[in-house]
Full PDB file with SEQRES, HELIX, SHEET, SSBOND, CRYST1, ORIGX, SCALE, CONECT and MASTER records, all heavy atoms in Angstrom:
SEQRES   1 A   34  SER ILE PRO GLN LYS SER ASN ARG LYS GLY ILE GLY GLU          
SEQRES   2 A   34  VAL ASP VAL ALA LEU TYR PHE GLY GLY ILE THR ILE GLN          
SEQRES   3 A   34  SER GLY ASP TYR LEU TYR ALA ASP                              
SHEET    1 AA1 2 LEU A  18  PHE A  20  0                                        
SHEET    2 AA1 2 ILE A  23  ILE A  25 -1                                        
CRYST1    1.000    1.000    1.000  90.00  90.00  90.00 P 1           1          
ORIGX1      1.000000  0.000000  0.000000        0.00000                         
ORIGX2      0.000000  1.000000  0.000000        0.00000                         
ORIGX3      0.000000  0.000000  1.000000        0.00000                         
SCALE1      1.000000  0.000000  0.000000        0.00000                         
SCALE2      0.000000  1.000000  0.000000        0.00000                         
SCALE3      0.000000  0.000000  1.000000        0.00000                         
ATOM      1  N   SER A   1     -10.298  -2.825  11.163  1.00  0.00           N  
ATOM      2  CA  SER A   1     -11.280  -1.797  10.824  1.00  0.00           C  
ATOM      3  C   SER A   1     -11.329  -0.786  11.964  1.00  0.00           C  
ATOM      4  O   SER A   1     -11.048  -1.101  13.118  1.00  0.00           O  
ATOM      5  CB  SER A   1     -12.664  -2.409  10.602  1.00  0.00           C  
ATOM      6  OG  SER A   1     -13.140  -2.991  11.798  1.00  0.00           O  
ATOM      7  N   ILE A   2     -11.679   0.443  11.575  1.00  0.00           N  
ATOM      8  CA  ILE A   2     -11.831   1.533  12.535  1.00  0.00           C  
ATOM      9  C   ILE A   2     -12.801   2.540  11.905  1.00  0.00           C  
ATOM     10  O   ILE A   2     -12.755   2.758  10.691  1.00  0.00           O  
ATOM     11  CB  ILE A   2     -10.473   2.193  12.868  1.00  0.00           C  
ATOM     12  CG1 ILE A   2     -10.612   3.192  14.015  1.00  0.00           C  
ATOM     13  CG2 ILE A   2      -9.841   2.823  11.636  1.00  0.00           C  
ATOM     14  CD1 ILE A   2      -9.277   3.690  14.562  1.00  0.00           C  
ATOM     15  N   PRO A   3     -13.685   3.133  12.665  1.00  0.00           N  
ATOM     16  CA  PRO A   3     -14.640   4.070  12.068  1.00  0.00           C  
ATOM     17  C   PRO A   3     -14.045   5.424  11.672  1.00  0.00           C  
ATOM     18  O   PRO A   3     -14.627   6.143  10.858  1.00  0.00           O  
ATOM     19  CB  PRO A   3     -15.710   4.241  13.145  1.00  0.00           C  
ATOM     20  CG  PRO A   3     -15.091   3.800  14.418  1.00  0.00           C  
ATOM     21  CD  PRO A   3     -14.014   2.829  14.063  1.00  0.00           C  
ATOM     22  N   GLN A   4     -12.885   5.769  12.192  1.00  0.00           N  
ATOM     23  CA  GLN A   4     -12.283   7.081  11.928  1.00  0.00           C  
ATOM     24  C   GLN A   4     -11.765   7.173  10.490  1.00  0.00           C  
ATOM     25  O   GLN A   4     -11.002   6.334  10.050  1.00  0.00           O  
ATOM     26  CB  GLN A   4     -11.124   7.319  12.893  1.00  0.00           C  
ATOM     27  CG  GLN A   4     -10.436   8.658  12.730  1.00  0.00           C  
ATOM     28  CD  GLN A   4     -11.346   9.826  13.048  1.00  0.00           C  
ATOM     29  OE1 GLN A   4     -12.032   9.839  14.059  1.00  0.00           O  
ATOM     30  NE2 GLN A   4     -11.376  10.798  12.166  1.00  0.00           N  
ATOM     31  N   LYS A   5     -12.178   8.226   9.768  1.00  0.00           N  
ATOM     32  CA  LYS A   5     -11.657   8.437   8.406  1.00  0.00           C  
ATOM     33  C   LYS A   5     -10.306   9.135   8.481  1.00  0.00           C  
ATOM     34  O   LYS A   5      -9.945   9.728   9.495  1.00  0.00           O  
ATOM     35  CB  LYS A   5     -12.638   9.249   7.571  1.00  0.00           C  
ATOM     36  CG  LYS A   5     -12.787  10.694   7.987  1.00  0.00           C  
ATOM     37  CD  LYS A   5     -13.765  11.404   7.070  1.00  0.00           C  
ATOM     38  CE  LYS A   5     -13.886  12.869   7.466  1.00  0.00           C  
ATOM     39  NZ  LYS A   5     -14.758  13.598   6.549  1.00  0.00           N  
ATOM     40  N   SER A   6      -9.586   9.058   7.359  1.00  0.00           N  
ATOM     41  CA  SER A   6      -8.283   9.738   7.300  1.00  0.00           C  
ATOM     42  C   SER A   6      -8.491  11.193   6.892  1.00  0.00           C  
ATOM     43  O   SER A   6      -9.555  11.575   6.410  1.00  0.00           O  
ATOM     44  CB  SER A   6      -7.359   9.045   6.301  1.00  0.00           C  
ATOM     45  OG  SER A   6      -7.740   9.350   4.976  1.00  0.00           O  
ATOM     46  N   ASN A   7      -7.458  11.977   7.053  1.00  0.00           N  
ATOM     47  CA  ASN A   7      -7.468  13.351   6.566  1.00  0.00           C  
ATOM     48  C   ASN A   7      -6.822  13.354   5.194  1.00  0.00           C  
ATOM     49  O   ASN A   7      -5.816  12.679   4.983  1.00  0.00           O  
ATOM     50  CB  ASN A   7      -6.680  14.274   7.507  1.00  0.00           C  
ATOM     51  CG  ASN A   7      -7.377  14.435   8.830  1.00  0.00           C  
ATOM     52  OD1 ASN A   7      -8.582  14.647   8.877  1.00  0.00           O  
ATOM     53  ND2 ASN A   7      -6.632  14.321   9.916  1.00  0.00           N  
ATOM     54  N   ARG A   8      -7.385  14.099   4.268  1.00  0.00           N  
ATOM     55  CA  ARG A   8      -6.809  14.191   2.923  1.00  0.00           C  
ATOM     56  C   ARG A   8      -5.982  15.466   2.816  1.00  0.00           C  
ATOM     57  O   ARG A   8      -6.498  16.562   2.920  1.00  0.00           O  
ATOM     58  CB  ARG A   8      -7.912  14.176   1.867  1.00  0.00           C  
ATOM     59  CG  ARG A   8      -8.566  12.829   1.777  1.00  0.00           C  
ATOM     60  CD  ARG A   8      -9.307  12.645   0.474  1.00  0.00           C  
ATOM     61  NE  ARG A   8     -10.080  11.424   0.574  1.00  0.00           N  
ATOM     62  CZ  ARG A   8     -11.402  11.356   0.522  1.00  0.00           C  
ATOM     63  NH1 ARG A   8     -12.111  12.436   0.300  1.00  0.00           N  
ATOM     64  NH2 ARG A   8     -12.010  10.205   0.642  1.00  0.00           N  
ATOM     65  N   LYS A   9      -4.680  15.253   2.593  1.00  0.00           N  
ATOM     66  CA  LYS A   9      -3.751  16.362   2.442  1.00  0.00           C  
ATOM     67  C   LYS A   9      -3.002  16.277   1.117  1.00  0.00           C  
ATOM     68  O   LYS A   9      -2.096  17.052   0.876  1.00  0.00           O  
ATOM     69  CB  LYS A   9      -2.749  16.363   3.592  1.00  0.00           C  
ATOM     70  CG  LYS A   9      -3.382  16.493   4.960  1.00  0.00           C  
ATOM     71  CD  LYS A   9      -2.330  16.353   6.045  1.00  0.00           C  
ATOM     72  CE  LYS A   9      -2.993  16.215   7.401  1.00  0.00           C  
ATOM     73  NZ  LYS A   9      -2.080  15.713   8.409  1.00  0.00           N  
ATOM     74  N   GLY A  10      -3.370  15.274   0.290  1.00  0.00           N  
ATOM     75  CA  GLY A  10      -2.694  15.109  -0.993  1.00  0.00           C  
ATOM     76  C   GLY A  10      -1.315  14.498  -0.870  1.00  0.00           C  
ATOM     77  O   GLY A  10      -0.484  14.645  -1.756  1.00  0.00           O  
ATOM     78  N   ILE A  11      -1.071  13.787   0.234  1.00  0.00           N  
ATOM     79  CA  ILE A  11       0.246  13.206   0.483  1.00  0.00           C  
ATOM     80  C   ILE A  11       0.223  11.716   0.152  1.00  0.00           C  
ATOM     81  O   ILE A  11      -0.731  11.015   0.465  1.00  0.00           O  
ATOM     82  CB  ILE A  11       0.659  13.409   1.951  1.00  0.00           C  
ATOM     83  CG1 ILE A  11       0.728  14.901   2.266  1.00  0.00           C  
ATOM     84  CG2 ILE A  11       1.983  12.728   2.253  1.00  0.00           C  
ATOM     85  CD1 ILE A  11       0.881  15.218   3.738  1.00  0.00           C  
ATOM     86  N   GLY A  12       1.281  11.248  -0.471  1.00  0.00           N  
ATOM     87  CA  GLY A  12       1.426   9.827  -0.775  1.00  0.00           C  
ATOM     88  C   GLY A  12       2.264   9.622  -2.014  1.00  0.00           C  
ATOM     89  O   GLY A  12       2.331  10.505  -2.877  1.00  0.00           O  
ATOM     90  N   GLU A  13       2.920   8.472  -2.094  1.00  0.00           N  
ATOM     91  CA  GLU A  13       3.779   8.143  -3.224  1.00  0.00           C  
ATOM     92  C   GLU A  13       3.203   6.954  -3.976  1.00  0.00           C  
ATOM     93  O   GLU A  13       2.814   5.961  -3.367  1.00  0.00           O  
ATOM     94  CB  GLU A  13       5.175   7.782  -2.738  1.00  0.00           C  
ATOM     95  CG  GLU A  13       5.878   8.875  -1.956  1.00  0.00           C  
ATOM     96  CD  GLU A  13       7.162   8.357  -1.347  1.00  0.00           C  
ATOM     97  OE1 GLU A  13       8.207   8.450  -2.028  1.00  0.00           O  
ATOM     98  OE2 GLU A  13       7.097   7.841  -0.223  1.00  0.00           O  
ATOM     99  N   VAL A  14       3.192   7.055  -5.304  1.00  0.00           N  
ATOM    100  CA  VAL A  14       2.657   6.000  -6.163  1.00  0.00           C  
ATOM    101  C   VAL A  14       3.807   5.311  -6.883  1.00  0.00           C  
ATOM    102  O   VAL A  14       4.814   5.939  -7.216  1.00  0.00           O  
ATOM    103  CB  VAL A  14       1.656   6.604  -7.183  1.00  0.00           C  
ATOM    104  CG1 VAL A  14       1.136   5.545  -8.137  1.00  0.00           C  
ATOM    105  CG2 VAL A  14       0.506   7.285  -6.450  1.00  0.00           C  
ATOM    106  N   ASP A  15       3.641   4.004  -7.137  1.00  0.00           N  
ATOM    107  CA  ASP A  15       4.629   3.205  -7.877  1.00  0.00           C  
ATOM    108  C   ASP A  15       5.994   3.174  -7.197  1.00  0.00           C  
ATOM    109  O   ASP A  15       7.032   3.261  -7.851  1.00  0.00           O  
ATOM    110  CB  ASP A  15       4.762   3.690  -9.326  1.00  0.00           C  
ATOM    111  CG  ASP A  15       3.510   3.432 -10.140  1.00  0.00           C  
ATOM    112  OD1 ASP A  15       2.791   2.448  -9.855  1.00  0.00           O  
ATOM    113  OD2 ASP A  15       3.245   4.210 -11.073  1.00  0.00           O  
ATOM    114  N   VAL A  16       6.001   3.030  -5.876  1.00  0.00           N  
ATOM    115  CA  VAL A  16       7.248   2.875  -5.123  1.00  0.00           C  
ATOM    116  C   VAL A  16       7.295   1.451  -4.562  1.00  0.00           C  
ATOM    117  O   VAL A  16       6.258   0.822  -4.355  1.00  0.00           O  
ATOM    118  CB  VAL A  16       7.365   3.904  -3.972  1.00  0.00           C  
ATOM    119  CG1 VAL A  16       7.455   5.320  -4.520  1.00  0.00           C  
ATOM    120  CG2 VAL A  16       6.210   3.787  -2.986  1.00  0.00           C  
ATOM    121  N   ALA A  17       8.496   0.953  -4.330  1.00  0.00           N  
ATOM    122  CA  ALA A  17       8.653  -0.366  -3.721  1.00  0.00           C  
ATOM    123  C   ALA A  17       8.168  -0.301  -2.273  1.00  0.00           C  
ATOM    124  O   ALA A  17       8.484   0.640  -1.546  1.00  0.00           O  
ATOM    125  CB  ALA A  17      10.106  -0.807  -3.776  1.00  0.00           C  
ATOM    126  N   LEU A  18       7.379  -1.305  -1.886  1.00  0.00           N  
ATOM    127  CA  LEU A  18       6.854  -1.388  -0.527  1.00  0.00           C  
ATOM    128  C   LEU A  18       7.476  -2.584   0.167  1.00  0.00           C  
ATOM    129  O   LEU A  18       7.776  -3.593  -0.473  1.00  0.00           O  
ATOM    130  CB  LEU A  18       5.332  -1.570  -0.550  1.00  0.00           C  
ATOM    131  CG  LEU A  18       4.518  -0.570  -1.358  1.00  0.00           C  
ATOM    132  CD1 LEU A  18       3.036  -0.940  -1.296  1.00  0.00           C  
ATOM    133  CD2 LEU A  18       4.752   0.846  -0.860  1.00  0.00           C  
ATOM    134  N   TYR A  19       7.641  -2.491   1.478  1.00  0.00           N  
ATOM    135  CA  TYR A  19       8.134  -3.622   2.255  1.00  0.00           C  
ATOM    136  C   TYR A  19       7.294  -3.755   3.506  1.00  0.00           C  
ATOM    137  O   TYR A  19       7.281  -2.864   4.366  1.00  0.00           O  
ATOM    138  CB  TYR A  19       9.605  -3.443   2.639  1.00  0.00           C  
ATOM    139  CG  TYR A  19      10.123  -4.641   3.412  1.00  0.00           C  
ATOM    140  CD1 TYR A  19      10.537  -5.789   2.750  1.00  0.00           C  
ATOM    141  CD2 TYR A  19      10.148  -4.631   4.798  1.00  0.00           C  
ATOM    142  CE1 TYR A  19      10.970  -6.906   3.450  1.00  0.00           C  
ATOM    143  CE2 TYR A  19      10.585  -5.738   5.516  1.00  0.00           C  
ATOM    144  CZ  TYR A  19      10.994  -6.870   4.833  1.00  0.00           C  
ATOM    145  OH  TYR A  19      11.407  -7.987   5.528  1.00  0.00           O  
ATOM    146  N   PHE A  20       6.539  -4.845   3.579  1.00  0.00           N  
ATOM    147  CA  PHE A  20       5.814  -5.205   4.798  1.00  0.00           C  
ATOM    148  C   PHE A  20       5.485  -6.686   4.714  1.00  0.00           C  
ATOM    149  O   PHE A  20       5.553  -7.292   3.653  1.00  0.00           O  
ATOM    150  CB  PHE A  20       4.562  -4.338   5.031  1.00  0.00           C  
ATOM    151  CG  PHE A  20       3.530  -4.390   3.946  1.00  0.00           C  
ATOM    152  CD1 PHE A  20       2.583  -5.411   3.901  1.00  0.00           C  
ATOM    153  CD2 PHE A  20       3.466  -3.401   2.977  1.00  0.00           C  
ATOM    154  CE1 PHE A  20       1.615  -5.451   2.908  1.00  0.00           C  
ATOM    155  CE2 PHE A  20       2.504  -3.426   1.985  1.00  0.00           C  
ATOM    156  CZ  PHE A  20       1.575  -4.453   1.951  1.00  0.00           C  
ATOM    157  N   GLY A  21       5.175  -7.272   5.839  1.00  0.00           N  
ATOM    158  CA  GLY A  21       4.864  -8.698   5.857  1.00  0.00           C  
ATOM    159  C   GLY A  21       6.027  -9.575   5.420  1.00  0.00           C  
ATOM    160  O   GLY A  21       5.844 -10.697   4.963  1.00  0.00           O  
ATOM    161  N   GLY A  22       7.256  -9.037   5.539  1.00  0.00           N  
ATOM    162  CA  GLY A  22       8.435  -9.811   5.208  1.00  0.00           C  
ATOM    163  C   GLY A  22       8.769  -9.901   3.728  1.00  0.00           C  
ATOM    164  O   GLY A  22       9.660 -10.648   3.342  1.00  0.00           O  
ATOM    165  N   ILE A  23       8.044  -9.157   2.891  1.00  0.00           N  
ATOM    166  CA  ILE A  23       8.303  -9.203   1.446  1.00  0.00           C  
ATOM    167  C   ILE A  23       8.351  -7.796   0.852  1.00  0.00           C  
ATOM    168  O   ILE A  23       7.841  -6.845   1.436  1.00  0.00           O  
ATOM    169  CB  ILE A  23       7.257 -10.050   0.680  1.00  0.00           C  
ATOM    170  CG1 ILE A  23       5.869  -9.412   0.726  1.00  0.00           C  
ATOM    171  CG2 ILE A  23       7.216 -11.478   1.220  1.00  0.00           C  
ATOM    172  CD1 ILE A  23       4.842 -10.108  -0.159  1.00  0.00           C  
ATOM    173  N   THR A  24       8.964  -7.713  -0.323  1.00  0.00           N  
ATOM    174  CA  THR A  24       8.984  -6.471  -1.095  1.00  0.00           C  
ATOM    175  C   THR A  24       7.965  -6.599  -2.215  1.00  0.00           C  
ATOM    176  O   THR A  24       7.911  -7.626  -2.902  1.00  0.00           O  
ATOM    177  CB  THR A  24      10.383  -6.224  -1.692  1.00  0.00           C  
ATOM    178  OG1 THR A  24      11.315  -6.102  -0.609  1.00  0.00           O  
ATOM    179  CG2 THR A  24      10.415  -4.949  -2.519  1.00  0.00           C  
ATOM    180  N   ILE A  25       7.146  -5.574  -2.385  1.00  0.00           N  
ATOM    181  CA  ILE A  25       6.109  -5.559  -3.420  1.00  0.00           C  
ATOM    182  C   ILE A  25       6.321  -4.317  -4.268  1.00  0.00           C  
ATOM    183  O   ILE A  25       6.472  -3.214  -3.746  1.00  0.00           O  
ATOM    184  CB  ILE A  25       4.697  -5.522  -2.787  1.00  0.00           C  
ATOM    185  CG1 ILE A  25       4.520  -6.673  -1.796  1.00  0.00           C  
ATOM    186  CG2 ILE A  25       3.623  -5.565  -3.875  1.00  0.00           C  
ATOM    187  CD1 ILE A  25       3.279  -6.570  -0.936  1.00  0.00           C  
ATOM    188  N   GLN A  26       6.303  -4.512  -5.602  1.00  0.00           N  
ATOM    189  CA  GLN A  26       6.506  -3.401  -6.525  1.00  0.00           C  
ATOM    190  C   GLN A  26       5.380  -3.342  -7.543  1.00  0.00           C  
ATOM    191  O   GLN A  26       4.778  -4.369  -7.874  1.00  0.00           O  
ATOM    192  CB  GLN A  26       7.837  -3.572  -7.256  1.00  0.00           C  
ATOM    193  CG  GLN A  26       9.028  -3.577  -6.331  1.00  0.00           C  
ATOM    194  CD  GLN A  26      10.329  -3.709  -7.084  1.00  0.00           C  
ATOM    195  OE1 GLN A  26      10.508  -3.118  -8.131  1.00  0.00           O  
ATOM    196  NE2 GLN A  26      11.246  -4.491  -6.539  1.00  0.00           N  
ATOM    197  N   SER A  27       5.114  -2.152  -8.054  1.00  0.00           N  
ATOM    198  CA  SER A  27       4.159  -2.026  -9.155  1.00  0.00           C  
ATOM    199  C   SER A  27       4.658  -2.923 -10.285  1.00  0.00           C  
ATOM    200  O   SER A  27       5.856  -2.977 -10.564  1.00  0.00           O  
ATOM    201  CB  SER A  27       4.069  -0.575  -9.639  1.00  0.00           C  
ATOM    202  OG  SER A  27       3.377   0.210  -8.697  1.00  0.00           O  
ATOM    203  N   GLY A  28       3.724  -3.621 -10.920  1.00  0.00           N  
ATOM    204  CA  GLY A  28       4.065  -4.542 -11.997  1.00  0.00           C  
ATOM    205  C   GLY A  28       4.153  -5.986 -11.546  1.00  0.00           C  
ATOM    206  O   GLY A  28       4.072  -6.902 -12.361  1.00  0.00           O  
ATOM    207  N   ASP A  29       4.323  -6.227 -10.227  1.00  0.00           N  
ATOM    208  CA  ASP A  29       4.278  -7.592  -9.709  1.00  0.00           C  
ATOM    209  C   ASP A  29       2.858  -8.121  -9.857  1.00  0.00           C  
ATOM    210  O   ASP A  29       1.926  -7.361 -10.184  1.00  0.00           O  
ATOM    211  CB  ASP A  29       4.656  -7.623  -8.223  1.00  0.00           C  
ATOM    212  CG  ASP A  29       6.130  -7.373  -7.945  1.00  0.00           C  
ATOM    213  OD1 ASP A  29       6.935  -7.402  -8.898  1.00  0.00           O  
ATOM    214  OD2 ASP A  29       6.470  -7.146  -6.766  1.00  0.00           O  
ATOM    215  N   TYR A  30       2.669  -9.400  -9.572  1.00  0.00           N  
ATOM    216  CA  TYR A  30       1.343 -10.009  -9.591  1.00  0.00           C  
ATOM    217  C   TYR A  30       1.032 -10.535  -8.200  1.00  0.00           C  
ATOM    218  O   TYR A  30       1.827 -11.276  -7.618  1.00  0.00           O  
ATOM    219  CB  TYR A  30       1.259 -11.136 -10.622  1.00  0.00           C  
ATOM    220  CG  TYR A  30       1.273 -10.596 -12.022  1.00  0.00           C  
ATOM    221  CD1 TYR A  30       2.458 -10.337 -12.683  1.00  0.00           C  
ATOM    222  CD2 TYR A  30       0.080 -10.288 -12.667  1.00  0.00           C  
ATOM    223  CE1 TYR A  30       2.474  -9.799 -13.959  1.00  0.00           C  
ATOM    224  CE2 TYR A  30       0.084  -9.750 -13.941  1.00  0.00           C  
ATOM    225  CZ  TYR A  30       1.287  -9.509 -14.581  1.00  0.00           C  
ATOM    226  OH  TYR A  30       1.284  -8.967 -15.844  1.00  0.00           O  
ATOM    227  N   LEU A  31      -0.100 -10.124  -7.663  1.00  0.00           N  
ATOM    228  CA  LEU A  31      -0.526 -10.523  -6.328  1.00  0.00           C  
ATOM    229  C   LEU A  31      -1.719 -11.452  -6.445  1.00  0.00           C  
ATOM    230  O   LEU A  31      -2.615 -11.234  -7.269  1.00  0.00           O  
ATOM    231  CB  LEU A  31      -0.904  -9.284  -5.510  1.00  0.00           C  
ATOM    232  CG  LEU A  31      -1.346  -9.533  -4.074  1.00  0.00           C  
ATOM    233  CD1 LEU A  31      -0.810  -8.429  -3.167  1.00  0.00           C  
ATOM    234  CD2 LEU A  31      -2.856  -9.628  -3.942  1.00  0.00           C  
ATOM    235  N   TYR A  32      -1.731 -12.492  -5.595  1.00  0.00           N  
ATOM    236  CA  TYR A  32      -2.828 -13.446  -5.543  1.00  0.00           C  
ATOM    237  C   TYR A  32      -3.214 -13.614  -4.077  1.00  0.00           C  
ATOM    238  O   TYR A  32      -2.347 -13.846  -3.231  1.00  0.00           O  
ATOM    239  CB  TYR A  32      -2.393 -14.793  -6.131  1.00  0.00           C  
ATOM    240  CG  TYR A  32      -1.892 -14.656  -7.546  1.00  0.00           C  
ATOM    241  CD1 TYR A  32      -0.544 -14.468  -7.821  1.00  0.00           C  
ATOM    242  CD2 TYR A  32      -2.792 -14.661  -8.609  1.00  0.00           C  
ATOM    243  CE1 TYR A  32      -0.094 -14.307  -9.119  1.00  0.00           C  
ATOM    244  CE2 TYR A  32      -2.347 -14.496  -9.917  1.00  0.00           C  
ATOM    245  CZ  TYR A  32      -0.993 -14.321 -10.164  1.00  0.00           C  
ATOM    246  OH  TYR A  32      -0.559 -14.155 -11.453  1.00  0.00           O  
ATOM    247  N   ALA A  33      -4.494 -13.475  -3.769  1.00  0.00           N  
ATOM    248  CA  ALA A  33      -4.957 -13.551  -2.388  1.00  0.00           C  
ATOM    249  C   ALA A  33      -6.203 -14.417  -2.290  1.00  0.00           C  
ATOM    250  O   ALA A  33      -7.055 -14.412  -3.183  1.00  0.00           O  
ATOM    251  CB  ALA A  33      -5.267 -12.144  -1.862  1.00  0.00           C  
ATOM    252  N   ASP A  34      -6.271 -15.162  -1.215  1.00  0.00           N  
ATOM    253  CA  ASP A  34      -7.479 -15.918  -0.886  1.00  0.00           C  
ATOM    254  C   ASP A  34      -7.496 -16.085   0.632  1.00  0.00           C  
ATOM    255  O   ASP A  34      -6.726 -15.432   1.339  1.00  0.00           O  
ATOM    256  CB  ASP A  34      -7.549 -17.258  -1.645  1.00  0.00           C  
ATOM    257  CG  ASP A  34      -6.421 -18.227  -1.324  1.00  0.00           C  
ATOM    258  OD1 ASP A  34      -5.670 -17.999  -0.343  1.00  0.00           O  
ATOM    259  OD2 ASP A  34      -6.294 -19.227  -2.050  1.00  0.00           O  
TER     260      ASP A  34                                                      
MASTER        0    0    0    0    2    0    0    6  259    1    0    3          
END                                                                             
């Protein structure tokens, strides 16, 4: 957490493959967290 807000410039990509935490995550996958 951090108190600083982000700046909104309308930048970002939706429905793209992501890679972090050693795994690839794609829209349409199923995520489970606890």
